[in-house]
Full PDB file with SEQRES, HELIX, SHEET, SSBOND, CRYST1, ORIGX, SCALE, CONECT and MASTER records, all heavy atoms in Angstrom:
SEQRES   1 A   40  MET TYR PRO ILE PRO ASN ASP ILE GLU LEU GLN LEU VAL          
SEQRES   2 A   40  ASN THR PRO THR GLU GLY LEU LYS ASP VAL LYS PHE ILE          
SEQRES   3 A   40  GLN GLU VAL ALA MET GLN ASN SER GLY PHE ALA TYR MET          
SEQRES   4 A   40  ILE                                                          
HELIX    1 AA1 ASN A    6  VAL A   13  1                                   8    
HELIX    2 AA2 THR A   17  ASP A   22  5                                   6    
HELIX    3 AA3 LYS A   24  PHE A   25  1                                   2    
HELIX    4 AA4 ILE A   26  ALA A   30  3                                   5    
HELIX    5 AA5 SER A   34  MET A   39  1                                   6    
CRYST1    1.000    1.000    1.000  90.00  90.00  90.00 P 1           1          
ORIGX1      1.000000  0.000000  0.000000        0.00000                         
ORIGX2      0.000000  1.000000  0.000000        0.00000                         
ORIGX3      0.000000  0.000000  1.000000        0.00000                         
SCALE1      1.000000  0.000000  0.000000        0.00000                         
SCALE2      0.000000  1.000000  0.000000        0.00000                         
SCALE3      0.000000  0.000000  1.000000        0.00000                         
ATOM      1  N   MET A   1       0.792  -1.231   0.000  1.00  0.00           N  
ATOM      2  CA  MET A   1       0.000   0.000   0.000  1.00  0.00           C  
ATOM      3  C   MET A   1       0.823   1.280   0.000  1.00  0.00           C  
ATOM      4  O   MET A   1       0.279   2.363  -0.179  1.00  0.00           O  
ATOM      5  CB  MET A   1      -0.942  -0.003   1.211  1.00  0.00           C  
ATOM      6  CG  MET A   1      -2.017  -1.068   1.144  1.00  0.00           C  
ATOM      7  SD  MET A   1      -3.064  -1.069   2.613  1.00  0.00           S  
ATOM      8  CE  MET A   1      -4.233  -2.380   2.204  1.00  0.00           C  
ATOM      9  N   TYR A   2       2.133   1.165   0.233  1.00  0.00           N  
ATOM     10  CA  TYR A   2       2.989   2.350   0.228  1.00  0.00           C  
ATOM     11  C   TYR A   2       4.225   2.036  -0.602  1.00  0.00           C  
ATOM     12  O   TYR A   2       5.189   1.458  -0.105  1.00  0.00           O  
ATOM     13  CB  TYR A   2       3.399   2.750   1.652  1.00  0.00           C  
ATOM     14  CG  TYR A   2       4.147   4.072   1.702  1.00  0.00           C  
ATOM     15  CD1 TYR A   2       3.463   5.263   1.922  1.00  0.00           C  
ATOM     16  CD2 TYR A   2       5.521   4.120   1.502  1.00  0.00           C  
ATOM     17  CE1 TYR A   2       4.135   6.477   1.955  1.00  0.00           C  
ATOM     18  CE2 TYR A   2       6.195   5.329   1.528  1.00  0.00           C  
ATOM     19  CZ  TYR A   2       5.505   6.495   1.754  1.00  0.00           C  
ATOM     20  OH  TYR A   2       6.179   7.696   1.768  1.00  0.00           O  
ATOM     21  N   PRO A   3       4.208   2.419  -1.886  1.00  0.00           N  
ATOM     22  CA  PRO A   3       5.362   2.124  -2.750  1.00  0.00           C  
ATOM     23  C   PRO A   3       6.618   2.851  -2.257  1.00  0.00           C  
ATOM     24  O   PRO A   3       6.620   4.071  -2.088  1.00  0.00           O  
ATOM     25  CB  PRO A   3       4.923   2.654  -4.121  1.00  0.00           C  
ATOM     26  CG  PRO A   3       3.433   2.754  -4.043  1.00  0.00           C  
ATOM     27  CD  PRO A   3       3.120   3.083  -2.619  1.00  0.00           C  
ATOM     28  N   ILE A   4       7.676   2.096  -2.042  1.00  0.00           N  
ATOM     29  CA  ILE A   4       8.953   2.670  -1.624  1.00  0.00           C  
ATOM     30  C   ILE A   4       9.829   2.808  -2.861  1.00  0.00           C  
ATOM     31  O   ILE A   4       9.953   1.860  -3.635  1.00  0.00           O  
ATOM     32  CB  ILE A   4       9.640   1.768  -0.577  1.00  0.00           C  
ATOM     33  CG1 ILE A   4       8.745   1.611   0.655  1.00  0.00           C  
ATOM     34  CG2 ILE A   4      10.989   2.345  -0.164  1.00  0.00           C  
ATOM     35  CD1 ILE A   4       9.287   0.634   1.690  1.00  0.00           C  
ATOM     36  N   PRO A   5      10.435   3.964  -3.081  1.00  0.00           N  
ATOM     37  CA  PRO A   5      11.307   4.136  -4.254  1.00  0.00           C  
ATOM     38  C   PRO A   5      12.386   3.053  -4.312  1.00  0.00           C  
ATOM     39  O   PRO A   5      12.887   2.599  -3.277  1.00  0.00           O  
ATOM     40  CB  PRO A   5      11.921   5.522  -4.033  1.00  0.00           C  
ATOM     41  CG  PRO A   5      10.923   6.241  -3.176  1.00  0.00           C  
ATOM     42  CD  PRO A   5      10.336   5.198  -2.277  1.00  0.00           C  
ATOM     43  N   ASN A   6      12.740   2.660  -5.534  1.00  0.00           N  
ATOM     44  CA  ASN A   6      13.693   1.555  -5.713  1.00  0.00           C  
ATOM     45  C   ASN A   6      15.033   1.821  -5.055  1.00  0.00           C  
ATOM     46  O   ASN A   6      15.643   0.902  -4.479  1.00  0.00           O  
ATOM     47  CB  ASN A   6      13.897   1.281  -7.210  1.00  0.00           C  
ATOM     48  CG  ASN A   6      12.676   0.643  -7.848  1.00  0.00           C  
ATOM     49  OD1 ASN A   6      11.860   0.023  -7.178  1.00  0.00           O  
ATOM     50  ND2 ASN A   6      12.554   0.799  -9.158  1.00  0.00           N  
ATOM     51  N   ASP A   7      15.506   3.071  -5.123  1.00  0.00           N  
ATOM     52  CA  ASP A   7      16.807   3.356  -4.533  1.00  0.00           C  
ATOM     53  C   ASP A   7      16.768   3.232  -3.011  1.00  0.00           C  
ATOM     54  O   ASP A   7      17.745   2.804  -2.383  1.00  0.00           O  
ATOM     55  CB  ASP A   7      17.305   4.743  -4.943  1.00  0.00           C  
ATOM     56  CG  ASP A   7      16.366   5.859  -4.511  1.00  0.00           C  
ATOM     57  OD1 ASP A   7      15.141   5.642  -4.498  1.00  0.00           O  
ATOM     58  OD2 ASP A   7      16.861   6.966  -4.205  1.00  0.00           O  
ATOM     59  N   ILE A   8      15.619   3.564  -2.420  1.00  0.00           N  
ATOM     60  CA  ILE A   8      15.467   3.426  -0.970  1.00  0.00           C  
ATOM     61  C   ILE A   8      15.389   1.947  -0.588  1.00  0.00           C  
ATOM     62  O   ILE A   8      15.987   1.506   0.396  1.00  0.00           O  
ATOM     63  CB  ILE A   8      14.220   4.172  -0.463  1.00  0.00           C  
ATOM     64  CG1 ILE A   8      14.325   5.663  -0.765  1.00  0.00           C  
ATOM     65  CG2 ILE A   8      14.037   3.942   1.038  1.00  0.00           C  
ATOM     66  CD1 ILE A   8      15.482   6.360  -0.088  1.00  0.00           C  
ATOM     67  N   GLU A   9      14.659   1.163  -1.388  1.00  0.00           N  
ATOM     68  CA  GLU A   9      14.580  -0.273  -1.115  1.00  0.00           C  
ATOM     69  C   GLU A   9      15.957  -0.910  -1.192  1.00  0.00           C  
ATOM     70  O   GLU A   9      16.299  -1.777  -0.377  1.00  0.00           O  
ATOM     71  CB  GLU A   9      13.616  -0.959  -2.082  1.00  0.00           C  
ATOM     72  CG  GLU A   9      12.159  -0.678  -1.797  1.00  0.00           C  
ATOM     73  CD  GLU A   9      11.237  -1.759  -2.326  1.00  0.00           C  
ATOM     74  OE1 GLU A   9      11.670  -2.545  -3.203  1.00  0.00           O  
ATOM     75  OE2 GLU A   9      10.082  -1.829  -1.851  1.00  0.00           O  
ATOM     76  N   LEU A  10      16.741  -0.494  -2.169  1.00  0.00           N  
ATOM     77  CA  LEU A  10      18.091  -1.028  -2.299  1.00  0.00           C  
ATOM     78  C   LEU A  10      18.932  -0.680  -1.078  1.00  0.00           C  
ATOM     79  O   LEU A  10      19.701  -1.512  -0.576  1.00  0.00           O  
ATOM     80  CB  LEU A  10      18.759  -0.490  -3.563  1.00  0.00           C  
ATOM     81  CG  LEU A  10      20.159  -1.034  -3.885  1.00  0.00           C  
ATOM     82  CD1 LEU A  10      20.115  -2.545  -4.089  1.00  0.00           C  
ATOM     83  CD2 LEU A  10      20.728  -0.341  -5.112  1.00  0.00           C  
ATOM     84  N   GLN A  11      18.766   0.542  -0.578  1.00  0.00           N  
ATOM     85  CA  GLN A  11      19.478   0.950   0.632  1.00  0.00           C  
ATOM     86  C   GLN A  11      19.037   0.113   1.820  1.00  0.00           C  
ATOM     87  O   GLN A  11      19.870  -0.368   2.606  1.00  0.00           O  
ATOM     88  CB  GLN A  11      19.237   2.431   0.918  1.00  0.00           C  
ATOM     89  CG  GLN A  11      19.931   2.929   2.182  1.00  0.00           C  
ATOM     90  CD  GLN A  11      19.548   4.362   2.539  1.00  0.00           C  
ATOM     91  OE1 GLN A  11      18.611   4.928   1.966  1.00  0.00           O  
ATOM     92  NE2 GLN A  11      20.264   4.946   3.494  1.00  0.00           N  
ATOM     93  N   LEU A  12      17.731  -0.094   1.960  1.00  0.00           N  
ATOM     94  CA  LEU A  12      17.203  -0.847   3.094  1.00  0.00           C  
ATOM     95  C   LEU A  12      17.640  -2.307   3.062  1.00  0.00           C  
ATOM     96  O   LEU A  12      18.005  -2.879   4.095  1.00  0.00           O  
ATOM     97  CB  LEU A  12      15.676  -0.762   3.117  1.00  0.00           C  
ATOM     98  CG  LEU A  12      15.079   0.598   3.475  1.00  0.00           C  
ATOM     99  CD1 LEU A  12      13.573   0.600   3.227  1.00  0.00           C  
ATOM    100  CD2 LEU A  12      15.373   0.953   4.930  1.00  0.00           C  
ATOM    101  N   VAL A  13      17.591  -2.926   1.895  1.00  0.00           N  
ATOM    102  CA  VAL A  13      17.920  -4.350   1.811  1.00  0.00           C  
ATOM    103  C   VAL A  13      19.397  -4.593   2.108  1.00  0.00           C  
ATOM    104  O   VAL A  13      19.784  -5.698   2.514  1.00  0.00           O  
ATOM    105  CB  VAL A  13      17.528  -4.925   0.428  1.00  0.00           C  
ATOM    106  CG1 VAL A  13      18.560  -4.585  -0.627  1.00  0.00           C  
ATOM    107  CG2 VAL A  13      17.312  -6.433   0.511  1.00  0.00           C  
ATOM    108  N   ASN A  14      20.221  -3.561   1.931  1.00  0.00           N  
ATOM    109  CA  ASN A  14      21.649  -3.697   2.203  1.00  0.00           C  
ATOM    110  C   ASN A  14      22.073  -3.107   3.545  1.00  0.00           C  
ATOM    111  O   ASN A  14      23.271  -3.018   3.832  1.00  0.00           O  
ATOM    112  CB  ASN A  14      22.451  -3.052   1.077  1.00  0.00           C  
ATOM    113  CG  ASN A  14      22.406  -3.862  -0.201  1.00  0.00           C  
ATOM    114  OD1 ASN A  14      22.784  -5.030  -0.216  1.00  0.00           O  
ATOM    115  ND2 ASN A  14      21.915  -3.260  -1.271  1.00  0.00           N  
ATOM    116  N   THR A  15      21.093  -2.724   4.370  1.00  0.00           N  
ATOM    117  CA  THR A  15      21.388  -2.187   5.696  1.00  0.00           C  
ATOM    118  C   THR A  15      21.266  -3.287   6.743  1.00  0.00           C  
ATOM    119  O   THR A  15      20.234  -3.960   6.818  1.00  0.00           O  
ATOM    120  CB  THR A  15      20.421  -1.041   6.054  1.00  0.00           C  
ATOM    121  OG1 THR A  15      20.561   0.017   5.101  1.00  0.00           O  
ATOM    122  CG2 THR A  15      20.703  -0.497   7.451  1.00  0.00           C  
ATOM    123  N   PRO A  16      22.295  -3.511   7.556  1.00  0.00           N  
ATOM    124  CA  PRO A  16      22.192  -4.514   8.626  1.00  0.00           C  
ATOM    125  C   PRO A  16      21.021  -4.204   9.555  1.00  0.00           C  
ATOM    126  O   PRO A  16      20.636  -3.033   9.720  1.00  0.00           O  
ATOM    127  CB  PRO A  16      23.536  -4.393   9.350  1.00  0.00           C  
ATOM    128  CG  PRO A  16      24.462  -3.798   8.347  1.00  0.00           C  
ATOM    129  CD  PRO A  16      23.618  -2.874   7.516  1.00  0.00           C  
ATOM    130  N   THR A  17      20.468  -5.228  10.158  1.00  0.00           N  
ATOM    131  CA  THR A  17      19.291  -5.060  11.011  1.00  0.00           C  
ATOM    132  C   THR A  17      19.482  -3.978  12.067  1.00  0.00           C  
ATOM    133  O   THR A  17      18.590  -3.146  12.279  1.00  0.00           O  
ATOM    134  CB  THR A  17      18.952  -6.398  11.702  1.00  0.00           C  
ATOM    135  OG1 THR A  17      18.664  -7.375  10.696  1.00  0.00           O  
ATOM    136  CG2 THR A  17      17.751  -6.247  12.613  1.00  0.00           C  
ATOM    137  N   GLU A  18      20.640  -3.963  12.712  1.00  0.00           N  
ATOM    138  CA  GLU A  18      20.869  -3.007  13.794  1.00  0.00           C  
ATOM    139  C   GLU A  18      20.858  -1.558  13.313  1.00  0.00           C  
ATOM    140  O   GLU A  18      20.641  -0.632  14.101  1.00  0.00           O  
ATOM    141  CB  GLU A  18      22.206  -3.287  14.491  1.00  0.00           C  
ATOM    142  CG  GLU A  18      22.249  -4.584  15.286  1.00  0.00           C  
ATOM    143  CD  GLU A  18      22.575  -5.787  14.421  1.00  0.00           C  
ATOM    144  OE1 GLU A  18      22.595  -5.653  13.178  1.00  0.00           O  
ATOM    145  OE2 GLU A  18      22.808  -6.863  14.994  1.00  0.00           O  
ATOM    146  N   GLY A  19      21.062  -1.344  12.011  1.00  0.00           N  
ATOM    147  CA  GLY A  19      21.126   0.020  11.499  1.00  0.00           C  
ATOM    148  C   GLY A  19      19.862   0.512  10.830  1.00  0.00           C  
ATOM    149  O   GLY A  19      19.807   1.664  10.368  1.00  0.00           O  
ATOM    150  N   LEU A  20      18.813  -0.316  10.767  1.00  0.00           N  
ATOM    151  CA  LEU A  20      17.611   0.056  10.038  1.00  0.00           C  
ATOM    152  C   LEU A  20      16.946   1.318  10.580  1.00  0.00           C  
ATOM    153  O   LEU A  20      16.503   2.175   9.815  1.00  0.00           O  
ATOM    154  CB  LEU A  20      16.606  -1.103  10.060  1.00  0.00           C  
ATOM    155  CG  LEU A  20      16.928  -2.276   9.130  1.00  0.00           C  
ATOM    156  CD1 LEU A  20      15.970  -3.424   9.373  1.00  0.00           C  
ATOM    157  CD2 LEU A  20      16.884  -1.830   7.676  1.00  0.00           C  
ATOM    158  N   LYS A  21      16.871   1.440  11.892  1.00  0.00           N  
ATOM    159  CA  LYS A  21      16.192   2.601  12.475  1.00  0.00           C  
ATOM    160  C   LYS A  21      16.937   3.903  12.191  1.00  0.00           C  
ATOM    161  O   LYS A  21      16.339   4.984  12.283  1.00  0.00           O  
ATOM    162  CB  LYS A  21      16.025   2.425  13.986  1.00  0.00           C  
ATOM    163  CG  LYS A  21      14.922   1.467  14.374  1.00  0.00           C  
ATOM    164  CD  LYS A  21      14.687   1.469  15.878  1.00  0.00           C  
ATOM    165  CE  LYS A  21      14.141   2.783  16.354  1.00  0.00           C  
ATOM    166  NZ  LYS A  21      13.835   2.775  17.806  1.00  0.00           N  
ATOM    167  N   ASP A  22      18.203   3.830  11.850  1.00  0.00           N  
ATOM    168  CA  ASP A  22      18.990   5.035  11.602  1.00  0.00           C  
ATOM    169  C   ASP A  22      18.892   5.519  10.161  1.00  0.00           C  
ATOM    170  O   ASP A  22      19.379   6.608   9.842  1.00  0.00           O  
ATOM    171  CB  ASP A  22      20.468   4.769  11.937  1.00  0.00           C  
ATOM    172  CG  ASP A  22      20.671   4.447  13.406  1.00  0.00           C  
ATOM    173  OD1 ASP A  22      19.933   5.001  14.241  1.00  0.00           O  
ATOM    174  OD2 ASP A  22      21.561   3.623  13.725  1.00  0.00           O  
ATOM    175  N   VAL A  23      18.285   4.721   9.287  1.00  0.00           N  
ATOM    176  CA  VAL A  23      18.130   5.135   7.896  1.00  0.00           C  
ATOM    177  C   VAL A  23      17.215   6.360   7.839  1.00  0.00           C  
ATOM    178  O   VAL A  23      16.158   6.395   8.473  1.00  0.00           O  
ATOM    179  CB  VAL A  23      17.551   3.981   7.050  1.00  0.00           C  
ATOM    180  CG1 VAL A  23      17.248   4.449   5.629  1.00  0.00           C  
ATOM    181  CG2 VAL A  23      18.530   2.807   7.028  1.00  0.00           C  
ATOM    182  N   LYS A  24      17.606   7.337   7.072  1.00  0.00           N  
ATOM    183  CA  LYS A  24      16.864   8.605   6.999  1.00  0.00           C  
ATOM    184  C   LYS A  24      15.406   8.396   6.610  1.00  0.00           C  
ATOM    185  O   LYS A  24      14.501   9.018   7.188  1.00  0.00           O  
ATOM    186  CB  LYS A  24      17.549   9.536   5.998  1.00  0.00           C  
ATOM    187  CG  LYS A  24      16.917  10.917   5.896  1.00  0.00           C  
ATOM    188  CD  LYS A  24      17.686  11.794   4.913  1.00  0.00           C  
ATOM    189  CE  LYS A  24      17.036  13.180   4.810  1.00  0.00           C  
ATOM    190  NZ  LYS A  24      17.765  14.034   3.823  1.00  0.00           N  
ATOM    191  N   PHE A  25      15.152   7.519   5.661  1.00  0.00           N  
ATOM    192  CA  PHE A  25      13.786   7.247   5.221  1.00  0.00           C  
ATOM    193  C   PHE A  25      12.927   6.724   6.366  1.00  0.00           C  
ATOM    194  O   PHE A  25      11.757   7.103   6.509  1.00  0.00           O  
ATOM    195  CB  PHE A  25      13.809   6.235   4.076  1.00  0.00           C  
ATOM    196  CG  PHE A  25      12.453   5.806   3.600  1.00  0.00           C  
ATOM    197  CD1 PHE A  25      11.695   6.620   2.779  1.00  0.00           C  
ATOM    198  CD2 PHE A  25      11.925   4.577   3.978  1.00  0.00           C  
ATOM    199  CE1 PHE A  25      10.438   6.222   2.338  1.00  0.00           C  
ATOM    200  CE2 PHE A  25      10.683   4.169   3.546  1.00  0.00           C  
ATOM    201  CZ  PHE A  25       9.934   4.999   2.730  1.00  0.00           C  
ATOM    202  N   ILE A  26      13.481   5.858   7.173  1.00  0.00           N  
ATOM    203  CA  ILE A  26      12.736   5.311   8.313  1.00  0.00           C  
ATOM    204  C   ILE A  26      12.446   6.413   9.323  1.00  0.00           C  
ATOM    205  O   ILE A  26      11.314   6.540   9.822  1.00  0.00           O  
ATOM    206  CB  ILE A  26      13.511   4.162   8.977  1.00  0.00           C  
ATOM    207  CG1 ILE A  26      13.764   3.024   7.973  1.00  0.00           C  
ATOM    208  CG2 ILE A  26      12.754   3.646  10.207  1.00  0.00           C  
ATOM    209  CD1 ILE A  26      12.517   2.422   7.384  1.00  0.00           C  
ATOM    210  N   GLN A  27      13.426   7.232   9.615  1.00  0.00           N  
ATOM    211  CA  GLN A  27      13.253   8.307  10.580  1.00  0.00           C  
ATOM    212  C   GLN A  27      12.235   9.341  10.105  1.00  0.00           C  
ATOM    213  O   GLN A  27      11.406   9.812  10.879  1.00  0.00           O  
ATOM    214  CB  GLN A  27      14.599   8.984  10.848  1.00  0.00           C  
ATOM    215  CG  GLN A  27      15.570   8.150  11.659  1.00  0.00           C  
ATOM    216  CD  GLN A  27      15.097   7.939  13.087  1.00  0.00           C  
ATOM    217  OE1 GLN A  27      14.548   8.838  13.718  1.00  0.00           O  
ATOM    218  NE2 GLN A  27      15.314   6.731  13.598  1.00  0.00           N  
ATOM    219  N   GLU A  28      12.280   9.684   8.826  1.00  0.00           N  
ATOM    220  CA  GLU A  28      11.460  10.789   8.327  1.00  0.00           C  
ATOM    221  C   GLU A  28      10.086  10.364   7.823  1.00  0.00           C  
ATOM    222  O   GLU A  28       9.145  11.169   7.841  1.00  0.00           O  
ATOM    223  CB  GLU A  28      12.203  11.512   7.203  1.00  0.00           C  
ATOM    224  CG  GLU A  28      13.477  12.206   7.671  1.00  0.00           C  
ATOM    225  CD  GLU A  28      14.144  13.001   6.570  1.00  0.00           C  
ATOM    226  OE1 GLU A  28      13.668  12.922   5.398  1.00  0.00           O  
ATOM    227  OE2 GLU A  28      15.126  13.705   6.859  1.00  0.00           O  
ATOM    228  N   VAL A  29       9.951   9.120   7.379  1.00  0.00           N  
ATOM    229  CA  VAL A  29       8.670   8.681   6.808  1.00  0.00           C  
ATOM    230  C   VAL A  29       7.965   7.663   7.706  1.00  0.00           C  
ATOM    231  O   VAL A  29       6.810   7.860   8.099  1.00  0.00           O  
ATOM    232  CB  VAL A  29       8.866   8.094   5.394  1.00  0.00           C  
ATOM    233  CG1 VAL A  29       7.518   7.661   4.802  1.00  0.00           C  
ATOM    234  CG2 VAL A  29       9.535   9.112   4.483  1.00  0.00           C  
ATOM    235  N   ALA A  30       8.659   6.592   8.047  1.00  0.00           N  
ATOM    236  CA  ALA A  30       8.010   5.539   8.835  1.00  0.00           C  
ATOM    237  C   ALA A  30       7.559   6.039  10.201  1.00  0.00           C  
ATOM    238  O   ALA A  30       6.554   5.567  10.740  1.00  0.00           O  
ATOM    239  CB  ALA A  30       8.947   4.349   8.996  1.00  0.00           C  
ATOM    240  N   MET A  31       8.290   6.985  10.757  1.00  0.00           N  
ATOM    241  CA  MET A  31       7.971   7.468  12.099  1.00  0.00           C  
ATOM    242  C   MET A  31       6.865   8.525  12.115  1.00  0.00           C  
ATOM    243  O   MET A  31       6.504   9.034  13.176  1.00  0.00           O  
ATOM    244  CB  MET A  31       9.224   8.034  12.762  1.00  0.00           C  
ATOM    245  CG  MET A  31      10.293   6.994  13.047  1.00  0.00           C  
ATOM    246  SD  MET A  31       9.749   5.723  14.207  1.00  0.00           S  
ATOM    247  CE  MET A  31      11.302   4.849  14.478  1.00  0.00           C  
ATOM    248  N   GLN A  32       6.295   8.861  10.955  1.00  0.00           N  
ATOM    249  CA  GLN A  32       5.257   9.899  10.907  1.00  0.00           C  
ATOM    250  C   GLN A  32       4.003   9.491  11.668  1.00  0.00           C  
ATOM    251  O   GLN A  32       3.425  10.274  12.411  1.00  0.00           O  
ATOM    252  CB  GLN A  32       4.889  10.216   9.456  1.00  0.00           C  
ATOM    253  CG  GLN A  32       5.923  11.012   8.705  1.00  0.00           C  
ATOM    254  CD  GLN A  32       5.411  11.426   7.349  1.00  0.00           C  
ATOM    255  OE1 GLN A  32       4.231  11.772   7.187  1.00  0.00           O  
ATOM    256  NE2 GLN A  32       6.276  11.383   6.349  1.00  0.00           N  
ATOM    257  N   ASN A  33       3.559   8.264  11.428  1.00  0.00           N  
ATOM    258  CA  ASN A  33       2.386   7.752  12.139  1.00  0.00           C  
ATOM    259  C   ASN A  33       2.411   6.228  12.086  1.00  0.00           C  
ATOM    260  O   ASN A  33       3.213   5.623  11.357  1.00  0.00           O  
ATOM    261  CB  ASN A  33       1.079   8.310  11.560  1.00  0.00           C  
ATOM    262  CG  ASN A  33       0.883   7.958  10.098  1.00  0.00           C  
ATOM    263  OD1 ASN A  33       0.897   6.786   9.729  1.00  0.00           O  
ATOM    264  ND2 ASN A  33       0.697   8.978   9.258  1.00  0.00           N  
ATOM    265  N   SER A  34       1.517   5.601  12.826  1.00  0.00           N  
ATOM    266  CA  SER A  34       1.528   4.138  12.940  1.00  0.00           C  
ATOM    267  C   SER A  34       1.180   3.451  11.628  1.00  0.00           C  
ATOM    268  O   SER A  34       1.669   2.354  11.346  1.00  0.00           O  
ATOM    269  CB  SER A  34       0.556   3.696  14.035  1.00  0.00           C  
ATOM    270  OG  SER A  34       1.003   4.136  15.303  1.00  0.00           O  
ATOM    271  N   GLY A  35       0.344   4.098  10.820  1.00  0.00           N  
ATOM    272  CA  GLY A  35      -0.010   3.511   9.534  1.00  0.00           C  
ATOM    273  C   GLY A  35       1.184   3.410   8.608  1.00  0.00           C  
ATOM    274  O   GLY A  35       1.434   2.358   8.001  1.00  0.00           O  
ATOM    275  N   PHE A  36       1.926   4.506   8.466  1.00  0.00           N  
ATOM    276  CA  PHE A  36       3.127   4.483   7.644  1.00  0.00           C  
ATOM    277  C   PHE A  36       4.135   3.481   8.194  1.00  0.00           C  
ATOM    278  O   PHE A  36       4.772   2.730   7.443  1.00  0.00           O  
ATOM    279  CB  PHE A  36       3.767   5.874   7.590  1.00  0.00           C  
ATOM    280  CG  PHE A  36       3.096   6.824   6.641  1.00  0.00           C  
ATOM    281  CD1 PHE A  36       3.372   8.174   6.686  1.00  0.00           C  
ATOM    282  CD2 PHE A  36       2.184   6.387   5.703  1.00  0.00           C  
ATOM    283  CE1 PHE A  36       2.764   9.061   5.821  1.00  0.00           C  
ATOM    284  CE2 PHE A  36       1.563   7.257   4.829  1.00  0.00           C  
ATOM    285  CZ  PHE A  36       1.858   8.599   4.891  1.00  0.00           C  
ATOM    286  N   ALA A  37       4.320   3.476   9.516  1.00  0.00           N  
ATOM    287  CA  ALA A  37       5.271   2.562  10.142  1.00  0.00           C  
ATOM    288  C   ALA A  37       4.926   1.116   9.800  1.00  0.00           C  
ATOM    289  O   ALA A  37       5.810   0.308   9.466  1.00  0.00           O  
ATOM    290  CB  ALA A  37       5.286   2.756  11.650  1.00  0.00           C  
ATOM    291  N   TYR A  38       3.644   0.794   9.852  1.00  0.00           N  
ATOM    292  CA  TYR A  38       3.211  -0.583   9.604  1.00  0.00           C  
ATOM    293  C   TYR A  38       3.424  -0.971   8.140  1.00  0.00           C  
ATOM    294  O   TYR A  38       3.964  -2.042   7.842  1.00  0.00           O  
ATOM    295  CB  TYR A  38       1.735  -0.720   9.970  1.00  0.00           C  
ATOM    296  CG  TYR A  38       1.222  -2.142   9.949  1.00  0.00           C  
ATOM    297  CD1 TYR A  38       1.587  -3.044  10.937  1.00  0.00           C  
ATOM    298  CD2 TYR A  38       0.361  -2.576   8.944  1.00  0.00           C  
ATOM    299  CE1 TYR A  38       1.110  -4.347  10.930  1.00  0.00           C  
ATOM    300  CE2 TYR A  38      -0.122  -3.872   8.924  1.00  0.00           C  
ATOM    301  CZ  TYR A  38       0.256  -4.757   9.927  1.00  0.00           C  
ATOM    302  OH  TYR A  38      -0.218  -6.046   9.908  1.00  0.00           O  
ATOM    303  N   MET A  39       3.011  -0.115   7.221  1.00  0.00           N  
ATOM    304  CA  MET A  39       3.156  -0.432   5.801  1.00  0.00           C  
ATOM    305  C   MET A  39       4.621  -0.613   5.420  1.00  0.00           C  
ATOM    306  O   MET A  39       4.982  -1.554   4.700  1.00  0.00           O  
ATOM    307  CB  MET A  39       2.512   0.667   4.947  1.00  0.00           C  
ATOM    308  CG  MET A  39       0.999   0.701   5.025  1.00  0.00           C  
ATOM    309  SD  MET A  39       0.234   1.900   3.894  1.00  0.00           S  
ATOM    310  CE  MET A  39       0.607   3.456   4.731  1.00  0.00           C  
ATOM    311  N   ILE A  40       5.465   0.276   5.900  1.00  0.00           N  
ATOM    312  CA  ILE A  40       6.883   0.202   5.552  1.00  0.00           C  
ATOM    313  C   ILE A  40       7.558  -0.990   6.225  1.00  0.00           C  
ATOM    314  O   ILE A  40       8.379  -1.686   5.613  1.00  0.00           O  
ATOM    315  CB  ILE A  40       7.572   1.530   5.924  1.00  0.00           C  
ATOM    316  CG1 ILE A  40       7.042   2.645   5.018  1.00  0.00           C  
ATOM    317  CG2 ILE A  40       9.092   1.420   5.818  1.00  0.00           C  
ATOM    318  CD1 ILE A  40       7.402   4.045   5.468  1.00  0.00           C  
TER     319      ILE A  40                                                      
MASTER        0    0    0    5    0    0    0    6  318    1    0    4          
END                                                                             
């Protein structure tokens, strides 16, 4: 339900688990509300 740009997906898939929360996209988009957090 929330298309993630390909370049962001590539960044996420290559980010170790411990570093996922520090990714800018996660901080700026996923943290906006619970709906976005869940979809992402």
